[in-house]
Amino acid sequence: MTTPITFDINDGDGVTLVRVGEGIFTDNRDPLLTALLHLADTPGTGIVVDLSDVPLCDSGALNMLVQVHQRVTATGGSLRLINPQPMVANILNVTNLDRLIPIDTDASDDAEGNRK
């Protein structure tokens, strides 16, 4: 069994920064998925997911990101990923999710999505 997932949510002006603290896998993603889908239901919201502490993910995590992207864009919002570790960045590239979801591989963002 995978370690339970940890994450923090910080709201800014229309943008929410979500910092994930563990690997994202099919058997631990549900609390994060629920939180992200809840955020995505707010019309026009921007969601920034910080992956700097996520060393690895599986297809369940990729599916989660697609679900959140579809939901948030349907409500006029956006999803952006920042700081993926090399293995996760490679997975996003190989699966072409980096063409669907904007990814910033070298970002230091605050809750409003502004570079520090």
N, C-alpha and C. Protein backbone atom coordinates (compact mmCIF):
# COMPACT_ATOMS: atom_id res chain seq x y z
N MET A 1 0.84 -1.19 0.00
CA MET A 1 0.00 0.00 0.00
C MET A 1 0.89 1.24 0.00
N THR A 2 0.47 2.25 -0.73
CA THR A 2 1.20 3.50 -0.86
C THR A 2 0.94 4.38 0.36
N THR A 3 1.89 5.26 0.64
CA THR A 3 1.76 6.22 1.73
C THR A 3 0.56 7.14 1.47
N PRO A 4 -0.23 7.45 2.50
CA PRO A 4 -1.33 8.40 2.31
C PRO A 4 -0.78 9.73 1.78
N ILE A 5 -1.54 10.35 0.92
CA ILE A 5 -1.10 11.58 0.28
C ILE A 5 -1.29 12.78 1.21
N THR A 6 -0.36 13.71 1.13
CA THR A 6 -0.50 14.96 1.89
C THR A 6 -0.47 16.11 0.89
N PHE A 7 -1.23 17.15 1.20
CA PHE A 7 -1.24 18.33 0.36
C PHE A 7 -1.75 19.52 1.16
N ASP A 8 -1.30 20.71 0.73
CA ASP A 8 -1.73 21.97 1.33
C ASP A 8 -2.38 22.81 0.26
N ILE A 9 -3.42 23.54 0.65
CA ILE A 9 -4.12 24.41 -0.29
C ILE A 9 -4.05 25.84 0.23
N ASN A 10 -3.57 26.74 -0.63
CA ASN A 10 -3.49 28.17 -0.30
C ASN A 10 -4.24 28.95 -1.35
N ASP A 11 -5.27 29.68 -0.91
CA ASP A 11 -6.07 30.48 -1.83
C ASP A 11 -5.50 31.87 -1.99
N GLY A 12 -5.54 32.36 -3.23
CA GLY A 12 -5.17 33.73 -3.55
C GLY A 12 -6.33 34.38 -4.28
N ASP A 13 -6.06 35.43 -4.99
CA ASP A 13 -7.09 36.14 -5.74
C ASP A 13 -7.45 35.39 -7.01
N GLY A 14 -8.37 34.44 -6.90
CA GLY A 14 -8.81 33.69 -8.06
C GLY A 14 -7.89 32.55 -8.45
N VAL A 15 -6.77 32.38 -7.73
CA VAL A 15 -5.83 31.29 -8.02
C VAL A 15 -5.58 30.53 -6.72
N THR A 16 -5.58 29.21 -6.83
CA THR A 16 -5.32 28.37 -5.67
C THR A 16 -4.06 27.55 -5.92
N LEU A 17 -3.12 27.65 -4.99
CA LEU A 17 -1.88 26.88 -5.06
C LEU A 17 -2.05 25.62 -4.22
N VAL A 18 -1.83 24.46 -4.84
CA VAL A 18 -1.93 23.18 -4.15
C VAL A 18 -0.54 22.54 -4.16
N ARG A 19 0.04 22.38 -2.98
CA ARG A 19 1.36 21.74 -2.86
C ARG A 19 1.16 20.30 -2.43
N VAL A 20 1.62 19.38 -3.27
CA VAL A 20 1.46 17.95 -3.00
C VAL A 20 2.75 17.43 -2.39
N GLY A 21 2.63 16.63 -1.32
CA GLY A 21 3.79 16.22 -0.56
C GLY A 21 4.21 14.77 -0.68
N GLU A 22 3.64 14.03 -1.59
CA GLU A 22 3.96 12.61 -1.73
C GLU A 22 3.81 12.21 -3.18
N GLY A 23 4.23 10.98 -3.49
CA GLY A 23 3.93 10.42 -4.80
C GLY A 23 2.43 10.29 -4.96
N ILE A 24 1.96 10.44 -6.18
CA ILE A 24 0.52 10.36 -6.46
C ILE A 24 0.27 9.05 -7.21
N PHE A 25 -0.55 8.20 -6.58
CA PHE A 25 -0.82 6.88 -7.14
C PHE A 25 -2.31 6.58 -7.07
N THR A 26 -2.74 5.59 -7.82
CA THR A 26 -4.15 5.20 -7.87
C THR A 26 -4.72 4.96 -6.48
N ASP A 27 -3.93 4.33 -5.60
CA ASP A 27 -4.49 3.96 -4.29
C ASP A 27 -4.37 5.05 -3.23
N ASN A 28 -3.82 6.24 -3.55
CA ASN A 28 -3.80 7.31 -2.56
C ASN A 28 -4.32 8.64 -3.09
N ARG A 29 -4.75 8.70 -4.33
CA ARG A 29 -5.10 9.97 -4.97
C ARG A 29 -6.47 10.53 -4.61
N ASP A 30 -7.37 9.71 -4.10
CA ASP A 30 -8.77 10.13 -3.94
C ASP A 30 -8.96 11.41 -3.12
N PRO A 31 -8.29 11.60 -1.98
CA PRO A 31 -8.49 12.87 -1.25
C PRO A 31 -8.05 14.08 -2.07
N LEU A 32 -6.95 13.95 -2.78
CA LEU A 32 -6.47 15.05 -3.62
C LEU A 32 -7.43 15.28 -4.79
N LEU A 33 -7.86 14.22 -5.43
CA LEU A 33 -8.81 14.36 -6.54
C LEU A 33 -10.08 15.06 -6.10
N THR A 34 -10.62 14.66 -4.96
CA THR A 34 -11.83 15.27 -4.44
C THR A 34 -11.62 16.76 -4.20
N ALA A 35 -10.51 17.12 -3.58
CA ALA A 35 -10.22 18.54 -3.31
C ALA A 35 -10.05 19.33 -4.60
N LEU A 36 -9.32 18.78 -5.56
CA LEU A 36 -9.10 19.49 -6.82
C LEU A 36 -10.39 19.65 -7.62
N LEU A 37 -11.23 18.63 -7.66
CA LEU A 37 -12.50 18.73 -8.37
C LEU A 37 -13.41 19.75 -7.71
N HIS A 38 -13.37 19.81 -6.38
CA HIS A 38 -14.15 20.83 -5.66
C HIS A 38 -13.68 22.23 -6.05
N LEU A 39 -12.37 22.43 -6.10
CA LEU A 39 -11.83 23.73 -6.52
C LEU A 39 -12.21 24.03 -7.96
N ALA A 40 -12.16 23.02 -8.82
CA ALA A 40 -12.45 23.20 -10.24
C ALA A 40 -13.89 23.60 -10.50
N ASP A 41 -14.79 23.31 -9.56
CA ASP A 41 -16.19 23.66 -9.73
C ASP A 41 -16.47 25.15 -9.56
N THR A 42 -15.50 25.90 -9.04
CA THR A 42 -15.66 27.34 -8.88
C THR A 42 -15.37 28.00 -10.23
N PRO A 43 -16.38 28.65 -10.84
CA PRO A 43 -16.18 29.24 -12.16
C PRO A 43 -15.01 30.22 -12.19
N GLY A 44 -14.18 30.06 -13.23
CA GLY A 44 -13.08 30.98 -13.46
C GLY A 44 -11.87 30.83 -12.58
N THR A 45 -11.84 29.81 -11.75
CA THR A 45 -10.70 29.66 -10.84
C THR A 45 -9.46 29.16 -11.57
N GLY A 46 -8.33 29.55 -11.04
CA GLY A 46 -7.06 29.04 -11.53
C GLY A 46 -6.47 28.11 -10.48
N ILE A 47 -6.05 26.95 -10.89
CA ILE A 47 -5.44 25.99 -9.97
C ILE A 47 -4.00 25.79 -10.40
N VAL A 48 -3.08 25.98 -9.46
CA VAL A 48 -1.66 25.73 -9.70
C VAL A 48 -1.26 24.58 -8.77
N VAL A 49 -0.77 23.49 -9.35
CA VAL A 49 -0.37 22.33 -8.56
C VAL A 49 1.16 22.26 -8.53
N ASP A 50 1.73 22.38 -7.34
CA ASP A 50 3.18 22.32 -7.15
C ASP A 50 3.58 20.86 -6.94
N LEU A 51 4.35 20.33 -7.88
CA LEU A 51 4.76 18.92 -7.85
C LEU A 51 6.20 18.75 -7.37
N SER A 52 6.78 19.76 -6.76
CA SER A 52 8.19 19.69 -6.38
C SER A 52 8.51 18.59 -5.38
N ASP A 53 7.54 18.14 -4.60
CA ASP A 53 7.76 17.07 -3.62
C ASP A 53 7.16 15.75 -4.06
N VAL A 54 6.85 15.63 -5.35
CA VAL A 54 6.27 14.40 -5.90
C VAL A 54 7.33 13.69 -6.72
N PRO A 55 7.95 12.65 -6.15
CA PRO A 55 9.03 11.97 -6.87
C PRO A 55 8.56 11.06 -8.00
N LEU A 56 7.31 10.58 -7.92
CA LEU A 56 6.82 9.60 -8.88
C LEU A 56 5.30 9.62 -8.90
N CYS A 57 4.73 9.23 -10.02
CA CYS A 57 3.28 9.11 -10.13
C CYS A 57 2.96 7.96 -11.08
N ASP A 58 1.71 7.52 -11.04
CA ASP A 58 1.30 6.45 -11.94
C ASP A 58 0.16 6.92 -12.83
N SER A 59 -0.41 6.00 -13.58
CA SER A 59 -1.49 6.35 -14.51
C SER A 59 -2.71 6.92 -13.80
N GLY A 60 -2.92 6.53 -12.55
CA GLY A 60 -4.03 7.09 -11.78
C GLY A 60 -3.86 8.58 -11.55
N ALA A 61 -2.62 9.00 -11.34
CA ALA A 61 -2.33 10.42 -11.17
C ALA A 61 -2.56 11.17 -12.48
N LEU A 62 -2.14 10.58 -13.58
CA LEU A 62 -2.33 11.21 -14.88
C LEU A 62 -3.81 11.35 -15.19
N ASN A 63 -4.57 10.30 -14.90
CA ASN A 63 -6.02 10.35 -15.09
C ASN A 63 -6.64 11.45 -14.24
N MET A 64 -6.17 11.59 -13.01
CA MET A 64 -6.66 12.63 -12.11
C MET A 64 -6.42 14.01 -12.72
N LEU A 65 -5.22 14.24 -13.23
CA LEU A 65 -4.89 15.54 -13.82
C LEU A 65 -5.78 15.85 -15.02
N VAL A 66 -6.06 14.85 -15.84
CA VAL A 66 -6.94 15.05 -16.99
C VAL A 66 -8.36 15.39 -16.52
N GLN A 67 -8.85 14.67 -15.51
CA GLN A 67 -10.19 14.96 -14.98
C GLN A 67 -10.29 16.39 -14.47
N VAL A 68 -9.28 16.80 -13.72
CA VAL A 68 -9.30 18.15 -13.15
C VAL A 68 -9.20 19.19 -14.26
N HIS A 69 -8.33 18.96 -15.24
CA HIS A 69 -8.20 19.87 -16.38
C HIS A 69 -9.53 20.02 -17.11
N GLN A 70 -10.20 18.91 -17.39
CA GLN A 70 -11.48 18.96 -18.09
C GLN A 70 -12.53 19.72 -17.28
N ARG A 71 -12.58 19.48 -15.98
CA ARG A 71 -13.58 20.14 -15.14
C ARG A 71 -13.31 21.63 -15.03
N VAL A 72 -12.06 22.00 -14.75
CA VAL A 72 -11.75 23.41 -14.52
C VAL A 72 -11.89 24.22 -15.82
N THR A 73 -11.51 23.66 -16.96
CA THR A 73 -11.65 24.41 -18.20
C THR A 73 -13.12 24.52 -18.61
N ALA A 74 -13.94 23.53 -18.24
CA ALA A 74 -15.37 23.60 -18.53
C ALA A 74 -16.06 24.73 -17.77
N THR A 75 -15.47 25.14 -16.64
CA THR A 75 -16.05 26.23 -15.85
C THR A 75 -15.31 27.54 -16.08
N GLY A 76 -14.48 27.58 -17.14
CA GLY A 76 -13.79 28.82 -17.48
C GLY A 76 -12.52 29.08 -16.70
N GLY A 77 -12.01 28.07 -16.02
CA GLY A 77 -10.80 28.23 -15.23
C GLY A 77 -9.60 27.61 -15.91
N SER A 78 -8.54 27.43 -15.13
CA SER A 78 -7.31 26.87 -15.70
C SER A 78 -6.59 26.00 -14.68
N LEU A 79 -5.77 25.10 -15.20
CA LEU A 79 -4.91 24.24 -14.39
C LEU A 79 -3.50 24.41 -14.91
N ARG A 80 -2.56 24.58 -13.99
CA ARG A 80 -1.14 24.68 -14.35
C ARG A 80 -0.34 23.87 -13.35
N LEU A 81 0.68 23.17 -13.83
CA LEU A 81 1.56 22.38 -12.98
C LEU A 81 2.90 23.09 -12.90
N ILE A 82 3.49 23.09 -11.70
CA ILE A 82 4.80 23.72 -11.55
C ILE A 82 5.77 22.77 -10.84
N ASN A 83 7.04 22.94 -11.16
CA ASN A 83 8.15 22.28 -10.48
C ASN A 83 8.10 20.75 -10.44
N PRO A 84 7.73 20.07 -11.52
CA PRO A 84 7.78 18.61 -11.44
C PRO A 84 9.22 18.11 -11.33
N GLN A 85 9.41 17.10 -10.52
CA GLN A 85 10.72 16.46 -10.44
C GLN A 85 11.00 15.77 -11.78
N PRO A 86 12.26 15.48 -12.08
CA PRO A 86 12.62 14.94 -13.40
C PRO A 86 11.81 13.72 -13.84
N MET A 87 11.59 12.77 -12.96
CA MET A 87 10.84 11.56 -13.35
C MET A 87 9.40 11.91 -13.71
N VAL A 88 8.77 12.77 -12.92
CA VAL A 88 7.39 13.18 -13.19
C VAL A 88 7.33 14.01 -14.47
N ALA A 89 8.29 14.92 -14.66
CA ALA A 89 8.34 15.73 -15.88
C ALA A 89 8.47 14.83 -17.11
N ASN A 90 9.27 13.78 -17.00
CA ASN A 90 9.42 12.84 -18.10
C ASN A 90 8.12 12.10 -18.40
N ILE A 91 7.44 11.67 -17.36
CA ILE A 91 6.16 10.97 -17.53
C ILE A 91 5.15 11.90 -18.22
N LEU A 92 5.09 13.16 -17.79
CA LEU A 92 4.17 14.12 -18.40
C LEU A 92 4.52 14.36 -19.86
N ASN A 93 5.80 14.36 -20.17
CA ASN A 93 6.25 14.55 -21.55
C ASN A 93 5.94 13.34 -22.42
N VAL A 94 6.28 12.16 -21.94
CA VAL A 94 6.09 10.93 -22.72
C VAL A 94 4.61 10.69 -23.01
N THR A 95 3.74 11.06 -22.09
CA THR A 95 2.30 10.86 -22.26
C THR A 95 1.63 12.03 -22.97
N ASN A 96 2.41 13.05 -23.32
CA ASN A 96 1.91 14.26 -23.99
C ASN A 96 0.96 15.10 -23.14
N LEU A 97 0.92 14.86 -21.85
CA LEU A 97 0.11 15.72 -20.99
C LEU A 97 0.68 17.13 -20.92
N ASP A 98 1.96 17.26 -21.21
CA ASP A 98 2.55 18.60 -21.21
C ASP A 98 2.03 19.44 -22.39
N ARG A 99 1.36 18.81 -23.34
CA ARG A 99 0.71 19.54 -24.43
C ARG A 99 -0.70 19.97 -24.06
N LEU A 100 -1.29 19.29 -23.09
CA LEU A 100 -2.65 19.58 -22.65
C LEU A 100 -2.66 20.56 -21.48
N ILE A 101 -1.75 20.35 -20.54
CA ILE A 101 -1.72 21.12 -19.30
C ILE A 101 -0.42 21.92 -19.27
N PRO A 102 -0.49 23.25 -19.10
CA PRO A 102 0.74 24.04 -19.00
C PRO A 102 1.60 23.60 -17.81
N ILE A 103 2.90 23.50 -18.06
CA ILE A 103 3.84 23.07 -17.02
C ILE A 103 5.00 24.05 -16.98
N ASP A 104 5.31 24.53 -15.79
CA ASP A 104 6.48 25.38 -15.58
C ASP A 104 7.46 24.57 -14.76
N THR A 105 8.59 24.21 -15.36
CA THR A 105 9.54 23.32 -14.69
C THR A 105 10.49 24.04 -13.75
N ASP A 106 10.47 25.36 -13.72
CA ASP A 106 11.37 26.12 -12.85
C ASP A 106 10.64 27.34 -12.32
N ALA A 107 9.68 27.10 -11.43
CA ALA A 107 8.87 28.21 -10.94
C ALA A 107 8.91 28.28 -9.43
N SER A 108 8.83 29.46 -8.94
CA SER A 108 8.62 29.71 -7.52
C SER A 108 7.44 30.66 -7.45
N ASP A 109 6.26 30.09 -7.22
CA ASP A 109 5.03 30.88 -7.29
C ASP A 109 4.40 31.05 -5.93
N ASP A 110 3.72 32.16 -5.77
CA ASP A 110 2.92 32.36 -4.57
C ASP A 110 1.49 31.92 -4.86
N ALA A 111 0.59 32.10 -3.91
CA ALA A 111 -0.78 31.62 -4.06
C ALA A 111 -1.50 32.28 -5.22
N GLU A 112 -1.05 33.46 -5.66
CA GLU A 112 -1.68 34.14 -6.77
C GLU A 112 -1.08 33.70 -8.10
N GLY A 113 -0.09 32.80 -8.07
CA GLY A 113 0.54 32.34 -9.28
C GLY A 113 1.62 33.28 -9.78
N ASN A 114 2.03 34.24 -8.94
CA ASN A 114 3.07 35.20 -9.33
C ASN A 114 4.43 34.65 -8.97
N ARG A 115 5.37 34.83 -9.88
CA ARG A 115 6.73 34.37 -9.65
C ARG A 115 7.37 35.22 -8.56
N LYS A 116 8.03 34.55 -7.62
CA LYS A 116 8.72 35.25 -6.53
C LYS A 116 10.11 35.61 -6.96
